[in-house]
PDB file of N, CA and C in Angstrom:
ATOM      1  N   MET A   1     -11.640   6.384  11.816  1.00  0.00           N
ATOM      2  CA  MET A   1     -10.427   5.144  11.628  1.00  0.00           C
ATOM      3  C   MET A   1      -9.541   6.022   9.902  1.00  0.00           C
ATOM      4  N   ARG A   2      -8.298   5.408  10.918  1.00  0.00           N
ATOM      5  CA  ARG A   2      -7.069   5.735  10.138  1.00  0.00           C
ATOM      6  C   ARG A   2      -7.146   5.200   9.000  1.00  0.00           C
ATOM      7  N   LEU A   3      -6.385   5.635   7.854  1.00  0.00           N
ATOM      8  CA  LEU A   3      -6.246   4.501   6.411  1.00  0.00           C
ATOM      9  C   LEU A   3      -5.558   3.207   6.712  1.00  0.00           C
ATOM     10  N   ARG A   4      -4.494   3.385   7.279  1.00  0.00           N
ATOM     11  CA  ARG A   4      -3.994   2.395   7.739  1.00  0.00           C
ATOM     12  C   ARG A   4      -4.573   1.412   8.289  1.00  0.00           C
ATOM     13  N   ALA A   5      -5.596   1.618   9.391  1.00  0.00           N
ATOM     14  CA  ALA A   5      -6.006   0.832  10.007  1.00  0.00           C
ATOM     15  C   ALA A   5      -7.401   0.043   9.540  1.00  0.00           C
ATOM     16  N   VAL A   6      -7.916   1.094   8.142  1.00  0.00           N
ATOM     17  CA  VAL A   6      -8.955   0.341   7.619  1.00  0.00           C
ATOM     18  C   VAL A   6      -8.113  -0.985   6.368  1.00  0.00           C
ATOM     19  N   ILE A   7      -7.121  -0.294   6.009  1.00  0.00           N
ATOM     20  CA  ILE A   7      -6.434  -1.367   5.106  1.00  0.00           C
ATOM     21  C   ILE A   7      -6.007  -2.967   5.837  1.00  0.00           C
ATOM     22  N   ALA A   8      -6.084  -2.163   7.389  1.00  0.00           N
ATOM     23  CA  ALA A   8      -5.201  -3.720   8.163  1.00  0.00           C
ATOM     24  C   ALA A   8      -6.178  -4.598   8.261  1.00  0.00           C
ATOM     25  N   THR A   9      -7.830  -3.737   8.789  1.00  0.00           N
ATOM     26  CA  THR A   9      -8.931  -4.706   8.903  1.00  0.00           C
ATOM     27  C   THR A   9      -9.046  -5.488   7.612  1.00  0.00           C
ATOM     28  N   GLY A  10      -9.371  -4.439   6.986  1.00  0.00           N
ATOM     29  CA  GLY A  10      -9.375  -5.379   5.299  1.00  0.00           C
ATOM     30  C   GLY A  10      -8.815  -6.644   4.756  1.00  0.00           C
ATOM     31  N   LEU A  11      -7.564  -6.829   4.998  1.00  0.00           N
ATOM     32  CA  LEU A  11      -6.151  -7.394   4.903  1.00  0.00           C
ATOM     33  C   LEU A  11      -6.590  -8.717   6.128  1.00  0.00           C
ATOM     34  N   GLN A  12      -7.041  -8.384   7.180  1.00  0.00           N
ATOM     35  CA  GLN A  12      -7.473  -9.444   8.077  1.00  0.00           C
ATOM     36  C   GLN A  12      -8.489 -10.256   7.686  1.00  0.00           C
ATOM     37  N   ARG A  13      -9.472  -9.550   7.148  1.00  0.00           N
ATOM     38  CA  ARG A  13     -10.947 -10.049   6.899  1.00  0.00           C
ATOM     39  C   ARG A  13     -10.327 -11.401   5.554  1.00  0.00           C
ATOM     40  N   GLU A  14      -9.486 -10.641   4.819  1.00  0.00           N
ATOM     41  CA  GLU A  14      -9.240 -11.913   3.838  1.00  0.00           C
ATOM     42  C   GLU A  14      -7.793 -12.786   4.458  1.00  0.00           C
ATOM     43  N   GLY A  15      -7.939 -12.599   5.444  1.00  0.00           N
ATOM     44  CA  GLY A  15      -7.135 -13.920   6.222  1.00  0.00           C
ATOM     45  C   GLY A  15      -6.014 -13.977   6.432  1.00  0.00           C
ATOM     46  N   ARG A  16      -4.914 -12.784   6.666  1.00  0.00           N
ATOM     47  CA  ARG A  16      -4.039 -12.459   7.100  1.00  0.00           C
ATOM     48  C   ARG A  16      -4.028 -12.399   8.533  1.00  0.00           C
ATOM     49  N   SER A  17      -2.533 -12.696   9.268  1.00  0.00           N
ATOM     50  CA  SER A  17      -2.531 -12.147  10.628  1.00  0.00           C
ATOM     51  C   SER A  17      -2.748 -11.143  10.643  1.00  0.00           C
ATOM     52  N   ALA A  18      -2.694 -10.745  11.778  1.00  0.00           N
ATOM     53  CA  ALA A  18      -3.058  -9.639  12.452  1.00  0.00           C
ATOM     54  C   ALA A  18      -1.146  -8.729  12.029  1.00  0.00           C
ATOM     55  N   GLU A  19      -0.478  -9.519  12.361  1.00  0.00           N
ATOM     56  CA  GLU A  19       0.683  -8.484  12.172  1.00  0.00           C
ATOM     57  C   GLU A  19       1.541  -8.342  10.633  1.00  0.00           C
ATOM     58  N   ASP A  20       0.973  -9.285  10.090  1.00  0.00           N
ATOM     59  CA  ASP A  20       1.257  -9.432   8.816  1.00  0.00           C
ATOM     60  C   ASP A  20       0.397  -7.986   7.916  1.00  0.00           C
ATOM     61  N   ALA A  21      -0.555  -8.160   8.433  1.00  0.00           N
ATOM     62  CA  ALA A  21      -1.613  -7.187   7.999  1.00  0.00           C
ATOM     63  C   ALA A  21      -1.534  -5.735   8.124  1.00  0.00           C
ATOM     64  N   GLU A  22      -0.852  -5.905   9.447  1.00  0.00           N
ATOM     65  CA  GLU A  22      -0.135  -4.275  10.022  1.00  0.00           C
ATOM     66  C   GLU A  22       1.050  -3.845   9.163  1.00  0.00           C
ATOM     67  N   ARG A  23       1.715  -4.782   9.024  1.00  0.00           N
ATOM     68  CA  ARG A  23       2.868  -4.380   8.103  1.00  0.00           C
ATOM     69  C   ARG A  23       2.520  -4.296   6.506  1.00  0.00           C
ATOM     70  N   MET A  24       1.719  -4.697   6.168  1.00  0.00           N
ATOM     71  CA  MET A  24       1.331  -4.659   4.791  1.00  0.00           C
ATOM     72  C   MET A  24       0.669  -3.627   4.503  1.00  0.00           C
ATOM     73  N   ALA A  25      -0.228  -3.061   5.201  1.00  0.00           N
ATOM     74  CA  ALA A  25      -1.119  -1.879   5.349  1.00  0.00           C
ATOM     75  C   ALA A  25      -0.037  -0.674   5.727  1.00  0.00           C
ATOM     76  N   PHE A  26       0.824  -0.901   6.413  1.00  0.00           N
ATOM     77  CA  PHE A  26       2.195   0.463   6.524  1.00  0.00           C
ATOM     78  C   PHE A  26       2.727   0.450   4.981  1.00  0.00           C
ATOM     79  N   ALA A  27       3.603  -0.645   4.451  1.00  0.00           N
ATOM     80  CA  ALA A  27       3.716  -0.681   3.183  1.00  0.00           C
ATOM     81  C   ALA A  27       3.327  -0.036   1.958  1.00  0.00           C
ATOM     82  N   ILE A  28       1.901  -0.205   2.371  1.00  0.00           N
ATOM     83  CA  ILE A  28       0.876   0.507   1.104  1.00  0.00           C
ATOM     84  C   ILE A  28       0.599   1.698   1.003  1.00  0.00           C
ATOM     85  N   VAL A  29       0.589   2.118   2.581  1.00  0.00           N
ATOM     86  CA  VAL A  29       0.326   3.799   2.705  1.00  0.00           C
ATOM     87  C   VAL A  29       1.602   3.994   2.223  1.00  0.00           C
ATOM     88  N   ALA A  30       2.699   3.842   2.581  1.00  0.00           N
ATOM     89  CA  ALA A  30       3.854   4.015   2.680  1.00  0.00           C
ATOM     90  C   ALA A  30       4.163   4.220   0.786  1.00  0.00           C
ATOM     91  N   ALA A  31       3.713   3.411   0.006  1.00  0.00           N
ATOM     92  CA  ALA A  31       4.061   2.992  -1.088  1.00  0.00           C
ATOM     93  C   ALA A  31       3.430   4.306  -1.733  1.00  0.00           C
ATOM     94  N   TYR A  32       2.286   4.253  -1.772  1.00  0.00           N
ATOM     95  CA  TYR A  32       1.307   5.170  -2.259  1.00  0.00           C
ATOM     96  C   TYR A  32       1.656   6.899  -1.890  1.00  0.00           C
ATOM     97  N   GLU A  33       1.617   7.096  -0.125  1.00  0.00           N
ATOM     98  CA  GLU A  33       2.544   8.496  -0.441  1.00  0.00           C
ATOM     99  C   GLU A  33       3.881   9.388  -0.918  1.00  0.00           C
ATOM    100  N   GLY A  34       4.631   7.929  -1.228  1.00  0.00           N
ATOM    101  CA  GLY A  34       5.882   8.008  -1.946  1.00  0.00           C
ATOM    102  C   GLY A  34       5.335   8.002  -3.371  1.00  0.00           C
ATOM    103  N   GLY A  35       4.688   7.540  -4.024  1.00  0.00           N
ATOM    104  CA  GLY A  35       4.529   7.677  -5.019  1.00  0.00           C
ATOM    105  C   GLY A  35       3.687   9.218  -5.204  1.00  0.00           C
ATOM    106  N   LEU A  36       2.564   9.543  -4.560  1.00  0.00           N
ATOM    107  CA  LEU A  36       1.818  10.866  -4.590  1.00  0.00           C
ATOM    108  C   LEU A  36       2.827  11.668  -4.857  1.00  0.00           C
ATOM    109  N   LEU A  37       3.749  11.712  -3.870  1.00  0.00           N
ATOM    110  CA  LEU A  37       4.637  13.205  -3.467  1.00  0.00           C
ATOM    111  C   LEU A  37       5.837  13.157  -4.586  1.00  0.00           C
ATOM    112  N   GLN A  38       6.454  12.076  -5.193  1.00  0.00           N
ATOM    113  CA  GLN A  38       6.839  12.089  -6.489  1.00  0.00           C
ATOM    114  C   GLN A  38       6.284  12.246  -7.734  1.00  0.00           C
ATOM    115  N   ALA A  39       5.098  11.755  -7.833  1.00  0.00           N
ATOM    116  CA  ALA A  39       4.346  12.463  -9.001  1.00  0.00           C
ATOM    117  C   ALA A  39       4.177  13.632  -8.707  1.00  0.00           C
ATOM    118  N   ARG A  40       3.818  14.537  -7.745  1.00  0.00           N
ATOM    119  CA  ARG A  40       3.486  15.838  -7.507  1.00  0.00           C
ATOM    120  C   ARG A  40       4.917  16.698  -8.072  1.00  0.00           C
ATOM    121  N   VAL A  41       6.235  16.177  -7.967  1.00  0.00           N
ATOM    122  CA  VAL A  41       7.465  17.061  -7.803  1.00  0.00           C
ATOM    123  C   VAL A  41       7.516  16.926  -9.378  1.00  0.00           C
ATOM    124  N   SER A  42       7.215  15.476 -10.213  1.00  0.00           N
ATOM    125  CA  SER A  42       7.651  15.752 -11.099  1.00  0.00           C
ATOM    126  C   SER A  42       6.790  16.131 -12.101  1.00  0.00           C
ATOM    127  N   GLY A  43       5.769  16.423 -11.771  1.00  0.00           N
ATOM    128  CA  GLY A  43       4.822  16.620 -12.416  1.00  0.00           C
ATOM    129  C   GLY A  43       3.956  15.720 -13.407  1.00  0.00           C
ATOM    130  N   ARG A  44       4.722  14.228 -13.091  1.00  0.00           N
ATOM    131  CA  ARG A  44       3.916  13.129 -13.888  1.00  0.00           C
ATOM    132  C   ARG A  44       3.382  12.463 -13.314  1.00  0.00           C
ATOM    133  N   VAL A  45       2.521  11.332 -13.532  1.00  0.00           N
ATOM    134  CA  VAL A  45       1.822  10.465 -13.369  1.00  0.00           C
ATOM    135  C   VAL A  45       2.457   8.861 -12.761  1.00  0.00           C
ATOM    136  N   GLU A  46       3.858   8.625 -13.626  1.00  0.00           N
ATOM    137  CA  GLU A  46       4.514   7.372 -13.454  1.00  0.00           C
ATOM    138  C   GLU A  46       4.842   6.994 -12.472  1.00  0.00           C
ATOM    139  N   PRO A  47       5.310   8.098 -11.441  1.00  0.00           N
ATOM    140  CA  PRO A  47       5.685   7.427  -9.942  1.00  0.00           C
ATOM    141  C   PRO A  47       4.444   6.798  -9.468  1.00  0.00           C
ATOM    142  N   MET A  48       3.128   7.255  -9.179  1.00  0.00           N
ATOM    143  CA  MET A  48       1.759   6.532  -8.893  1.00  0.00           C
ATOM    144  C   MET A  48       1.606   5.425  -9.381  1.00  0.00           C
ATOM    145  N   VAL A  49       1.405   5.222 -10.808  1.00  0.00           N
ATOM    146  CA  VAL A  49       1.550   3.689 -11.666  1.00  0.00           C
ATOM    147  C   VAL A  49       1.968   3.182 -10.960  1.00  0.00           C
ATOM    148  N   ASP A  50       4.101   3.269 -10.777  1.00  0.00           N
ATOM    149  CA  ASP A  50       4.833   2.246 -10.148  1.00  0.00           C
ATOM    150  C   ASP A  50       4.548   2.118  -9.094  1.00  0.00           C
ATOM    151  N   ALA A  51       4.044   3.058  -8.107  1.00  0.00           N
ATOM    152  CA  ALA A  51       3.917   2.746  -6.362  1.00  0.00           C
ATOM    153  C   ALA A  51       2.854   1.222  -6.465  1.00  0.00           C
ATOM    154  N   CYS A  52       1.619   1.745  -7.047  1.00  0.00           N
ATOM    155  CA  CYS A  52       0.670   1.283  -7.302  1.00  0.00           C
ATOM    156  C   CYS A  52       0.952  -0.621  -7.470  1.00  0.00           C
ATOM    157  N   ARG A  53       1.663  -0.066  -8.954  1.00  0.00           N
ATOM    158  CA  ARG A  53       2.378  -2.174  -9.231  1.00  0.00           C
ATOM    159  C   ARG A  53       2.573  -2.174  -8.200  1.00  0.00           C
ATOM    160  N   TYR A  54       3.559  -1.979  -7.666  1.00  0.00           N
ATOM    161  CA  TYR A  54       4.589  -2.755  -6.631  1.00  0.00           C
ATOM    162  C   TYR A  54       3.873  -2.972  -5.581  1.00  0.00           C
ATOM    163  N   VAL A  55       2.539  -1.962  -5.097  1.00  0.00           N
ATOM    164  CA  VAL A  55       1.741  -2.746  -3.858  1.00  0.00           C
ATOM    165  C   VAL A  55       1.039  -3.896  -4.275  1.00  0.00           C
ATOM    166  N   LEU A  56       0.534  -3.832  -5.520  1.00  0.00           N
ATOM    167  CA  LEU A  56       0.085  -5.347  -6.392  1.00  0.00           C
ATOM    168  C   LEU A  56       0.647  -6.466  -6.337  1.00  0.00           C
ATOM    169  N   ASP A  57       1.961  -5.852  -6.779  1.00  0.00           N
ATOM    170  CA  ASP A  57       2.847  -7.140  -6.677  1.00  0.00           C
ATOM    171  C   ASP A  57       2.964  -7.914  -5.377  1.00  0.00           C
ATOM    172  N   LEU A  58       3.228  -6.787  -4.657  1.00  0.00           N
ATOM    173  CA  LEU A  58       3.424  -7.356  -2.892  1.00  0.00           C
ATOM    174  C   LEU A  58       2.055  -8.340  -2.562  1.00  0.00           C
ATOM    175  N   MET A  59       1.248  -7.717  -2.703  1.00  0.00           N
ATOM    176  CA  MET A  59       0.273  -8.248  -2.375  1.00  0.00           C
ATOM    177  C   MET A  59       0.026  -9.958  -3.064  1.00  0.00           C
ATOM    178  N   ARG A  60       0.454 -10.042  -4.343  1.00  0.00           N
ATOM    179  CA  ARG A  60       0.370 -11.220  -4.702  1.00  0.00           C
ATOM    180  C   ARG A  60       1.545 -12.050  -4.178  1.00  0.00           C
ATOM    181  N   VAL A  61       2.625 -11.815  -3.854  1.00  0.00           N
ATOM    182  CA  VAL A  61       3.873 -12.377  -3.342  1.00  0.00           C
ATOM    183  C   VAL A  61       3.190 -12.905  -1.990  1.00  0.00           C
ATOM    184  N   ARG A  62       2.796 -12.210  -1.066  1.00  0.00           N
ATOM    185  CA  ARG A  62       2.195 -12.306   0.256  1.00  0.00           C
ATOM    186  C   ARG A  62       1.071 -13.166   0.127  1.00  0.00           C
ATOM    187  N   ALA A  63       0.502 -13.320  -0.543  1.00  0.00           N
ATOM    188  CA  ALA A  63      -0.855 -14.076  -0.582  1.00  0.00           C
ATOM    189  C   ALA A  63      -0.643 -15.565   0.036  1.00  0.00           C
TER     190      ALA A  63
END
């Protein structure tokens, strides 16, 4: 199963609609991949930390 599908399934189990879960799963994976790429390019961990914080903030707002 693809990562986005796994995340979306988990979000649906937590009570989110299928559409919301799919959109949020996309945003989570995109933020992770973007943070990882920026961390690798810069040689610093801060982009990953920022991406994770953004995702957590997004999930709190959308709860």
